[in-house]
Amino acid sequence: MSHFGVLSHSGMGHLNPLIALSRQLTARGHRVTFFQRRQIESRVCQQEIRFSSIGESTHSSEKYRGSNDTKSSRTRVGTLCDSVRRIVGEMEISLREAPVAITQAGIDILIIDEIILSGPTLAQMLDIPYFVVSTSVPLNFGWSISGRSSRYRSPASFFSWLEDAVLQVSALRMQGPVRWRLDSYRRQIGLGPSQEIQKVFPALAQITQLPKCMDFPRLRLPRNFYYTGPFVDEAARPPIQFPWRQLDGRPLVYASLGTARAVKPAIFRFIAEACNGLDLQLVISLGGRSDPEISEDLPGRPLVVKEAPQLQLLKKAKIVITHSGLNTVLEALMEGKPILAIPIAYDQPAVADRLAWLGVSEVLPLDGLATKQIRIALERLLNNESYRNAAVDLQGRIRNACGLRRAADLIEAALEKIRVAAEPVPLVK
């Protein structure tokens, strides 16, 4: 049995699937240790997974904060520079502190979240085999909009292109100032450029929970690349109190716009105004944030909660309104639910692009969003059975993929190949 070390981002969109995968591995007799900041320790340890804290020193905290120049942060350029500083700071913290923690824990294999930029370098430094896991659309595929669907267009500008070029980086696709800093560090410790890692010290496999049926056709895939399906483990979700008795029997619309970024209260108001008068009951989850301005005096008196038991609510929902985070999308499609997608940032436009192409979703850009647009989109989803039929078709294909089990099988199969290759060849008399 192996001892896996998991390098994961702390966001729920990364943490939930990687905890589910870890539980699958521990159920098979392996040990798993997470390496992250202490803020997620209780979430990990309550699943009987080991935890090792990194990034807690005063120097580390300074790196995470980015720029102290609040004036520059008010501009788009200043925000971009702060984002680069934060990304580089997190990478350098990991390079500085993780090697000792990983060595002391006795890790045999690393499982690296694709956006942990230091991951392959750490594995190469320590000579530890590793897997790369993409919890969303693999970044080495790119997150640009394909143009395959006429229902979704993303506004283009030079600055948007620059943001994508600088910020859309991963362990397998690095460029700009982030790569320059990593390569500088690698030179100091005697390693070649980061672009050579996949030639000289490749991952055993790249695994994504994106199902193949949700990706565009591709002529070529990276070496040792595998689609699986959702890493969902209902037993791994912490219990959340919810006022079930306040559900009144009307068709349910569940709205969740994620946990990673603040959402303007006006967006929730637009959603409430659009649902009002459609004989629907709206449930809004604030993604762990508590903001009285959002929940007060909304039209139609929707049920607003700080956190929601999402998997249970999705079973009851008729329509799901989401920011297009892949985890919420996959969980909704596993229940065969049509989606109204309002992508905000990161991979979300790329996910929404696929939803529109597959015919399971109406997609609305955040820029210029208004009540009327949401109302029209909801009416289309309610009155056109093609959305529901497409979602039910995807439901069957996604469930049949058995993503969590397949991911663990792929990992164990790759490790078995290593074991067999390492066995001494018997002498023939």
Protein backbone atom coordinates (compact mmCIF):
# COMPACT_ATOMS: atom_id res chain seq x y z
CA MET A 1 0.00 0.00 0.00
CA SER A 2 1.18 3.52 -0.78
CA HIS A 3 1.31 6.77 1.16
CA PHE A 4 -0.06 9.54 -1.06
CA GLY A 5 0.70 13.20 -0.53
CA VAL A 6 -1.95 15.58 -1.90
CA LEU A 7 -1.04 19.11 -2.97
CA SER A 8 -4.38 20.85 -3.35
CA HIS A 9 -5.69 24.38 -3.68
CA SER A 10 -7.83 25.36 -0.69
CA GLY A 11 -10.93 26.33 -2.70
CA MET A 12 -13.96 24.06 -2.35
CA GLY A 13 -14.00 23.43 -6.10
CA HIS A 14 -10.62 21.71 -5.69
CA LEU A 15 -10.90 20.43 -2.14
CA ASN A 16 -14.19 18.52 -2.45
CA PRO A 17 -13.16 16.33 -5.40
CA LEU A 18 -9.66 15.69 -4.04
CA ILE A 19 -11.05 14.72 -0.64
CA ALA A 20 -13.44 12.35 -2.42
CA LEU A 21 -10.53 10.80 -4.35
CA SER A 22 -8.51 10.52 -1.14
CA ARG A 23 -11.36 8.71 0.59
CA GLN A 24 -11.55 6.28 -2.31
CA LEU A 25 -7.83 5.55 -1.94
CA THR A 26 -7.97 5.16 1.85
CA ALA A 27 -10.92 2.76 1.42
CA ARG A 28 -8.53 0.62 -0.65
CA GLY A 29 -5.97 0.52 2.15
CA HIS A 30 -3.68 3.41 1.18
CA ARG A 31 -2.68 6.32 3.41
CA VAL A 32 -3.22 9.94 2.35
CA THR A 33 -1.79 13.20 3.73
CA PHE A 34 -2.85 16.68 2.59
CA PHE A 35 -0.34 19.55 2.53
CA GLN A 36 -1.93 22.99 2.80
CA ARG A 37 -2.54 25.94 5.08
CA ARG A 38 -4.12 25.19 8.43
CA GLN A 39 -7.44 26.82 7.50
CA ILE A 40 -8.58 23.59 5.80
CA GLU A 41 -7.20 21.18 8.41
CA SER A 42 -10.50 20.42 10.14
CA ARG A 43 -12.25 19.88 6.80
CA VAL A 44 -9.63 17.29 5.84
CA CYS A 45 -9.16 15.59 9.19
CA GLN A 46 -12.87 14.98 9.77
CA GLN A 47 -12.62 12.58 6.82
CA GLU A 48 -9.89 10.62 8.64
CA ILE A 49 -7.26 11.90 6.22
CA ARG A 50 -3.91 13.05 7.56
CA PHE A 51 -2.86 16.69 7.37
CA SER A 52 0.42 18.58 7.36
CA SER A 53 0.45 22.37 7.58
CA ILE A 54 2.60 24.54 5.31
CA GLY A 55 2.62 28.28 4.66
CA GLU A 56 1.98 29.45 8.23
CA SER A 57 5.12 31.50 8.89
CA THR A 58 5.03 35.30 9.07
CA HIS A 59 7.07 35.49 5.87
CA SER A 60 4.59 33.17 4.16
CA SER A 61 1.65 35.31 5.20
CA GLU A 62 3.28 38.38 3.68
CA LYS A 63 3.63 36.57 0.38
CA TYR A 64 -0.04 35.64 0.32
CA ARG A 65 -1.22 39.20 0.83
CA GLY A 66 0.35 40.53 -2.37
CA SER A 67 0.72 44.27 -2.79
CA ASN A 68 0.07 46.71 0.04
CA ASP A 69 -0.37 49.53 -2.49
CA THR A 70 -4.14 49.92 -2.24
CA LYS A 71 -4.09 52.73 -4.80
CA SER A 72 -2.60 50.51 -7.51
CA SER A 73 -5.02 47.72 -6.59
CA ARG A 74 -7.94 49.92 -7.59
CA THR A 75 -6.87 49.76 -11.23
CA ARG A 76 -7.21 46.75 -13.47
CA VAL A 77 -3.47 46.70 -14.07
CA GLY A 78 -2.84 46.92 -10.33
CA THR A 79 -5.20 44.01 -9.70
CA LEU A 80 -3.43 41.95 -12.36
CA CYS A 81 -0.03 42.69 -10.80
CA ASP A 82 -1.36 41.74 -7.36
CA SER A 83 -2.67 38.46 -8.77
CA VAL A 84 0.74 37.64 -10.25
CA ARG A 85 2.47 38.49 -6.95
CA ARG A 86 0.04 36.26 -5.06
CA ILE A 87 0.51 33.34 -7.46
CA VAL A 88 4.30 33.65 -7.34
CA GLY A 89 4.24 34.03 -3.55
CA GLU A 90 2.17 30.86 -3.07
CA MET A 91 4.45 28.96 -5.43
CA GLU A 92 7.59 30.05 -3.60
CA ILE A 93 6.10 29.20 -0.20
CA SER A 94 5.37 25.69 -1.45
CA LEU A 95 8.88 25.28 -2.90
CA ARG A 96 10.44 26.45 0.36
CA GLU A 97 8.32 24.61 2.93
CA ALA A 98 6.79 21.55 1.26
CA PRO A 99 9.98 19.49 0.70
CA VAL A 100 10.68 19.09 4.41
CA ALA A 101 7.03 18.34 5.23
CA ILE A 102 6.73 15.77 2.43
CA THR A 103 9.98 14.06 3.42
CA GLN A 104 9.07 13.94 7.12
CA ALA A 105 5.66 12.45 6.31
CA GLY A 106 7.25 9.61 4.33
CA ILE A 107 5.30 10.22 1.12
CA ASP A 108 5.68 7.63 -1.68
CA ILE A 109 3.48 9.22 -4.37
CA LEU A 110 2.26 12.78 -4.99
CA ILE A 111 -1.19 13.74 -6.27
CA ILE A 112 -0.89 17.28 -7.58
CA ASP A 113 -3.80 19.61 -8.20
CA GLU A 114 -3.15 21.05 -11.66
CA ILE A 115 -2.99 24.63 -10.38
CA ILE A 116 -0.33 23.86 -7.76
CA LEU A 117 2.46 25.27 -9.91
CA SER A 118 5.29 23.99 -7.74
CA GLY A 119 4.06 20.38 -7.84
CA PRO A 120 6.12 18.76 -10.62
CA THR A 121 9.25 20.62 -9.49
CA LEU A 122 8.77 19.32 -5.94
CA ALA A 123 8.30 15.80 -7.26
CA GLN A 124 11.46 16.08 -9.35
CA MET A 125 13.48 17.53 -6.44
CA LEU A 126 12.42 14.68 -4.16
CA ASP A 127 12.42 12.00 -6.88
CA ILE A 128 8.82 11.02 -6.10
CA PRO A 129 6.44 9.72 -8.81
CA TYR A 130 3.37 11.91 -9.25
CA PHE A 131 -0.05 12.29 -10.82
CA VAL A 132 -1.60 15.55 -11.99
CA VAL A 133 -5.33 15.92 -11.36
CA SER A 134 -7.44 18.52 -13.17
CA THR A 135 -10.55 19.24 -11.14
CA SER A 136 -11.98 21.29 -14.03
CA VAL A 137 -11.36 21.76 -17.74
CA PRO A 138 -7.64 20.97 -18.04
CA LEU A 139 -5.73 24.22 -18.28
CA ASN A 140 -3.32 22.78 -20.82
CA PHE A 141 -6.38 22.57 -23.13
CA GLY A 142 -6.90 26.31 -22.63
CA TRP A 143 -9.94 28.12 -21.23
CA SER A 144 -10.78 30.18 -24.30
CA ILE A 145 -14.28 30.20 -25.79
CA SER A 146 -14.57 27.84 -28.75
CA GLY A 147 -17.27 29.60 -30.76
CA ARG A 148 -19.01 26.26 -31.35
CA SER A 149 -22.27 27.54 -29.88
CA SER A 150 -24.20 30.58 -31.06
CA ARG A 151 -25.71 30.92 -27.56
CA TYR A 152 -22.57 32.16 -25.88
CA ARG A 153 -20.08 34.82 -26.83
CA SER A 154 -17.40 36.21 -24.55
CA PRO A 155 -16.36 39.87 -24.92
CA ALA A 156 -12.79 40.09 -26.20
CA SER A 157 -10.24 42.80 -25.51
CA PHE A 158 -6.49 43.10 -25.42
CA PHE A 159 -6.53 43.28 -21.62
CA SER A 160 -8.67 40.13 -21.41
CA TRP A 161 -6.11 38.38 -23.61
CA LEU A 162 -3.30 39.65 -21.36
CA GLU A 163 -5.08 38.41 -18.22
CA ASP A 164 -5.55 34.99 -19.78
CA ALA A 165 -1.92 34.82 -20.89
CA VAL A 166 -0.57 35.77 -17.45
CA LEU A 167 -3.07 34.14 -15.08
CA GLN A 168 -4.14 30.99 -16.90
CA VAL A 169 -1.19 28.95 -15.71
CA SER A 170 -0.98 25.43 -14.40
CA ALA A 171 1.58 22.81 -13.47
CA LEU A 172 1.49 21.67 -17.10
CA ARG A 173 1.07 25.00 -18.89
CA MET A 174 3.13 27.85 -17.52
CA GLN A 175 4.11 31.13 -19.12
CA GLY A 176 4.96 34.76 -18.42
CA PRO A 177 6.38 36.05 -15.11
CA VAL A 178 5.27 32.97 -13.18
CA ARG A 179 7.37 30.68 -15.36
CA TRP A 180 10.31 33.08 -15.20
CA ARG A 181 10.32 32.92 -11.39
CA LEU A 182 9.99 29.15 -11.32
CA ASP A 183 12.80 28.72 -13.83
CA SER A 184 15.00 31.02 -11.75
CA TYR A 185 14.44 28.80 -8.73
CA ARG A 186 15.07 25.64 -10.75
CA ARG A 187 18.42 27.02 -11.99
CA GLN A 188 19.47 27.69 -8.39
CA ILE A 189 18.95 24.02 -7.46
CA GLY A 190 20.51 22.64 -10.63
CA LEU A 191 17.39 21.73 -12.62
CA GLY A 192 16.62 22.59 -16.24
CA PRO A 193 13.75 24.79 -17.49
CA SER A 194 10.23 23.97 -16.34
CA GLN A 195 9.18 23.34 -19.96
CA GLU A 196 11.35 20.21 -19.91
CA ILE A 197 9.72 18.57 -16.88
CA GLN A 198 7.29 16.47 -18.91
CA LYS A 199 10.23 15.10 -20.93
CA VAL A 200 12.73 14.43 -18.15
CA PHE A 201 10.38 13.72 -15.22
CA PRO A 202 6.83 13.21 -16.56
CA ALA A 203 3.68 12.63 -14.56
CA LEU A 204 2.52 9.03 -14.38
CA ALA A 205 -0.83 10.31 -15.66
CA GLN A 206 -2.96 13.40 -16.00
CA ILE A 207 -6.48 12.67 -14.79
CA THR A 208 -9.46 14.99 -15.13
CA GLN A 209 -12.89 14.66 -13.60
CA LEU A 210 -14.28 16.29 -16.75
CA PRO A 211 -16.18 13.46 -18.49
CA LYS A 212 -15.23 12.79 -22.08
CA CYS A 213 -18.86 13.33 -23.13
CA MET A 214 -18.57 16.96 -21.95
CA ASP A 215 -15.44 17.86 -23.90
CA PHE A 216 -15.09 18.96 -27.50
CA PRO A 217 -13.77 16.38 -29.99
CA ARG A 218 -9.96 16.34 -30.06
CA LEU A 219 -7.60 14.90 -32.62
CA ARG A 220 -4.80 14.45 -30.08
CA LEU A 221 -4.55 14.14 -26.34
CA PRO A 222 -1.50 14.55 -24.10
CA ARG A 223 0.45 11.41 -23.28
CA ASN A 224 -1.03 9.43 -20.38
CA PHE A 225 -4.14 11.62 -20.29
CA TYR A 226 -7.42 10.22 -18.97
CA TYR A 227 -10.99 11.49 -18.74
CA THR A 228 -12.94 10.02 -15.86
CA GLY A 229 -16.07 11.68 -14.45
CA PRO A 230 -17.14 13.50 -11.29
CA PHE A 231 -15.31 12.86 -8.02
CA VAL A 232 -18.44 13.01 -5.87
CA ASP A 233 -18.71 11.37 -2.46
CA GLU A 234 -21.87 12.41 -0.62
CA ALA A 235 -20.60 10.89 2.63
CA ALA A 236 -17.60 13.25 2.54
CA ARG A 237 -19.71 16.41 2.65
CA PRO A 238 -20.05 18.02 6.09
CA PRO A 239 -23.64 18.17 7.40
CA ILE A 240 -25.34 21.53 6.83
CA GLN A 241 -28.47 22.70 8.61
CA PHE A 242 -31.24 23.72 6.23
CA PRO A 243 -34.87 24.84 6.80
CA TRP A 244 -36.47 22.03 4.81
CA ARG A 245 -39.94 22.84 6.16
CA GLN A 246 -39.86 26.17 4.36
CA LEU A 247 -39.95 24.45 0.97
CA ASP A 248 -43.57 24.91 -0.13
CA GLY A 249 -43.95 22.40 -2.98
CA ARG A 250 -43.56 24.80 -5.90
CA PRO A 251 -40.96 23.89 -8.56
CA LEU A 252 -37.57 24.67 -7.06
CA VAL A 253 -34.88 26.88 -8.59
CA TYR A 254 -31.52 26.49 -6.84
CA ALA A 255 -29.04 29.36 -7.31
CA SER A 256 -25.40 29.12 -6.26
CA LEU A 257 -22.70 31.42 -7.62
CA GLY A 258 -19.73 29.75 -5.97
CA THR A 259 -17.46 30.30 -3.00
CA ALA A 260 -14.25 31.68 -4.53
CA ARG A 261 -15.23 35.22 -5.53
CA ALA A 262 -17.50 37.86 -4.04
CA VAL A 263 -20.74 38.30 -5.99
CA LYS A 264 -22.43 41.69 -6.33
CA PRO A 265 -25.76 41.74 -4.45
CA ALA A 266 -27.44 43.12 -7.58
CA ILE A 267 -26.99 39.76 -9.33
CA PHE A 268 -29.01 37.94 -6.68
CA ARG A 269 -31.64 40.67 -6.90
CA PHE A 270 -31.87 40.21 -10.68
CA ILE A 271 -32.33 36.47 -10.17
CA ALA A 272 -35.05 37.00 -7.53
CA GLU A 273 -36.89 39.51 -9.73
CA ALA A 274 -36.74 37.11 -12.68
CA CYS A 275 -38.18 34.20 -10.66
CA ASN A 276 -40.89 36.33 -9.05
CA GLY A 277 -44.26 35.67 -10.73
CA LEU A 278 -43.19 32.41 -12.41
CA ASP A 279 -44.70 30.18 -9.69
CA LEU A 280 -41.24 29.02 -8.67
CA GLN A 281 -39.57 28.83 -5.28
CA LEU A 282 -36.06 30.24 -5.33
CA VAL A 283 -33.33 29.01 -2.95
CA ILE A 284 -30.14 31.08 -2.93
CA SER A 285 -26.91 29.78 -1.41
CA LEU A 286 -24.38 32.51 -0.60
CA GLY A 287 -21.44 30.10 -0.76
CA GLY A 288 -20.39 30.51 2.87
CA ARG A 289 -20.60 34.29 2.78
CA SER A 290 -22.99 36.18 5.02
CA ASP A 291 -24.22 39.46 3.59
CA PRO A 292 -27.47 40.93 4.97
CA GLU A 293 -27.68 43.27 1.96
CA ILE A 294 -28.19 40.28 -0.30
CA SER A 295 -30.94 38.59 1.71
CA GLU A 296 -33.08 41.58 2.72
CA ASP A 297 -36.26 42.54 0.82
CA LEU A 298 -35.68 40.38 -2.24
CA PRO A 299 -38.74 40.10 -4.52
CA GLY A 300 -40.75 36.90 -4.08
CA ARG A 301 -39.22 36.24 -0.65
CA PRO A 302 -36.67 33.60 -1.76
CA LEU A 303 -35.09 31.32 0.80
CA VAL A 304 -31.53 32.65 1.30
CA VAL A 305 -28.94 30.64 3.24
CA LYS A 306 -25.27 31.15 3.98
CA GLU A 307 -24.52 27.53 2.99
CA ALA A 308 -26.70 24.83 1.50
CA PRO A 309 -26.70 21.01 1.38
CA GLN A 310 -26.17 21.20 -2.35
CA LEU A 311 -26.32 17.53 -3.27
CA GLN A 312 -29.72 17.10 -1.57
CA LEU A 313 -31.17 20.31 -3.02
CA LEU A 314 -30.10 19.39 -6.54
CA LYS A 315 -32.24 16.26 -6.32
CA LYS A 316 -35.30 18.47 -5.71
CA ALA A 317 -34.48 21.32 -8.11
CA LYS A 318 -36.16 21.86 -11.46
CA ILE A 319 -33.55 24.36 -12.71
CA VAL A 320 -30.07 25.21 -11.43
CA ILE A 321 -28.59 28.71 -11.72
CA THR A 322 -24.83 28.59 -11.38
CA HIS A 323 -21.58 30.43 -12.07
CA SER A 324 -20.51 27.38 -14.14
CA GLY A 325 -18.04 26.02 -11.62
CA LEU A 326 -17.44 22.46 -12.83
CA ASN A 327 -18.33 20.79 -9.54
CA THR A 328 -21.78 22.39 -9.33
CA VAL A 329 -22.33 21.71 -13.04
CA LEU A 330 -21.39 18.04 -12.75
CA GLU A 331 -23.50 17.58 -9.63
CA ALA A 332 -26.49 19.19 -11.37
CA LEU A 333 -26.07 17.04 -14.47
CA MET A 334 -25.77 13.90 -12.34
CA GLU A 335 -29.36 14.70 -11.35
CA GLY A 336 -30.41 15.50 -14.94
CA LYS A 337 -31.12 19.19 -14.29
CA PRO A 338 -31.11 21.96 -16.95
CA ILE A 339 -28.82 24.87 -16.13
CA LEU A 340 -28.83 28.64 -16.39
CA ALA A 341 -25.13 29.51 -16.48
CA ILE A 342 -23.73 32.93 -15.52
CA PRO A 343 -19.93 32.48 -15.76
CA ILE A 344 -17.88 34.92 -13.73
CA ALA A 345 -14.15 34.06 -14.01
CA TYR A 346 -11.42 31.43 -14.27
CA ASP A 347 -12.56 28.22 -16.03
CA GLN A 348 -16.24 29.12 -15.86
CA PRO A 349 -16.59 30.57 -19.40
CA ALA A 350 -14.99 27.39 -20.79
CA VAL A 351 -17.44 25.21 -18.83
CA ALA A 352 -20.40 27.35 -19.90
CA ASP A 353 -19.24 27.11 -23.50
CA ARG A 354 -19.50 23.32 -23.30
CA LEU A 355 -22.93 23.47 -21.65
CA ALA A 356 -24.30 25.65 -24.44
CA TRP A 357 -22.76 23.36 -27.07
CA LEU A 358 -24.38 20.31 -25.43
CA GLY A 359 -27.80 21.99 -25.33
CA VAL A 360 -28.35 21.64 -21.57
CA SER A 361 -28.02 25.30 -20.69
CA GLU A 362 -28.87 28.88 -21.39
CA VAL A 363 -25.75 31.02 -20.87
CA LEU A 364 -25.75 34.71 -19.95
CA PRO A 365 -22.60 36.85 -19.80
CA LEU A 366 -22.06 38.77 -16.59
CA ASP A 367 -21.50 42.06 -18.41
CA GLY A 368 -24.85 43.78 -18.93
CA LEU A 369 -26.76 41.16 -16.94
CA ALA A 370 -30.31 42.25 -16.12
CA THR A 371 -33.60 40.85 -14.83
CA LYS A 372 -35.21 40.64 -18.28
CA GLN A 373 -32.42 38.45 -19.70
CA ILE A 374 -32.63 36.03 -16.78
CA ARG A 375 -36.43 35.88 -17.04
CA ILE A 376 -36.30 35.04 -20.76
CA ALA A 377 -33.65 32.37 -20.17
CA LEU A 378 -35.67 30.79 -17.34
CA GLU A 379 -38.80 30.69 -19.48
CA ARG A 380 -36.86 28.95 -22.26
CA LEU A 381 -35.57 26.34 -19.82
CA LEU A 382 -39.04 25.81 -18.38
CA ASN A 383 -40.93 25.60 -21.68
CA ASN A 384 -38.50 23.79 -23.97
CA GLU A 385 -38.15 20.09 -23.18
CA SER A 386 -34.96 19.81 -25.24
CA TYR A 387 -32.92 21.17 -22.32
CA ARG A 388 -34.34 18.60 -19.93
CA ASN A 389 -33.90 15.77 -22.45
CA ALA A 390 -30.27 16.72 -23.10
CA ALA A 391 -29.59 16.90 -19.35
CA VAL A 392 -31.13 13.47 -18.73
CA ASP A 393 -29.06 11.99 -21.56
CA LEU A 394 -25.89 13.42 -20.02
CA GLN A 395 -27.00 12.20 -16.58
CA GLY A 396 -26.86 8.59 -17.76
CA ARG A 397 -23.50 8.95 -19.47
CA ILE A 398 -21.88 10.77 -16.56
CA ARG A 399 -23.15 8.32 -13.96
CA ASN A 400 -22.05 5.34 -16.07
CA ALA A 401 -18.52 6.76 -16.21
CA CYS A 402 -18.07 5.97 -12.46
CA GLY A 403 -15.47 8.73 -12.32
CA LEU A 404 -14.26 8.31 -8.75
CA ARG A 405 -13.72 4.57 -9.05
CA ARG A 406 -12.10 4.94 -12.47
CA ALA A 407 -9.64 7.56 -11.20
CA ALA A 408 -8.53 5.33 -8.34
CA ASP A 409 -8.23 2.36 -10.71
CA LEU A 410 -6.02 4.38 -13.06
CA ILE A 411 -3.77 5.44 -10.19
CA GLU A 412 -3.39 1.91 -8.87
CA ALA A 413 -2.76 0.51 -12.36
CA ALA A 414 0.04 3.02 -12.97
CA LEU A 415 1.64 2.16 -9.63
CA GLU A 416 1.44 -1.55 -10.41
CA LYS A 417 3.38 -0.92 -13.64
CA ILE A 418 6.10 0.79 -11.60
CA ARG A 419 6.21 -2.10 -9.15
CA VAL A 420 6.47 -4.71 -11.90
CA ALA A 421 9.16 -2.74 -13.74
CA ALA A 422 11.20 -2.49 -10.53
CA GLU A 423 11.17 -6.24 -9.84
CA PRO A 424 14.47 -7.96 -10.59
CA VAL A 425 14.49 -10.12 -13.70
CA PRO A 426 15.01 -13.79 -12.67
CA LEU A 427 18.15 -15.45 -13.98
CA VAL A 428 17.55 -18.16 -16.56
CA LYS A 429 19.66 -21.26 -16.02
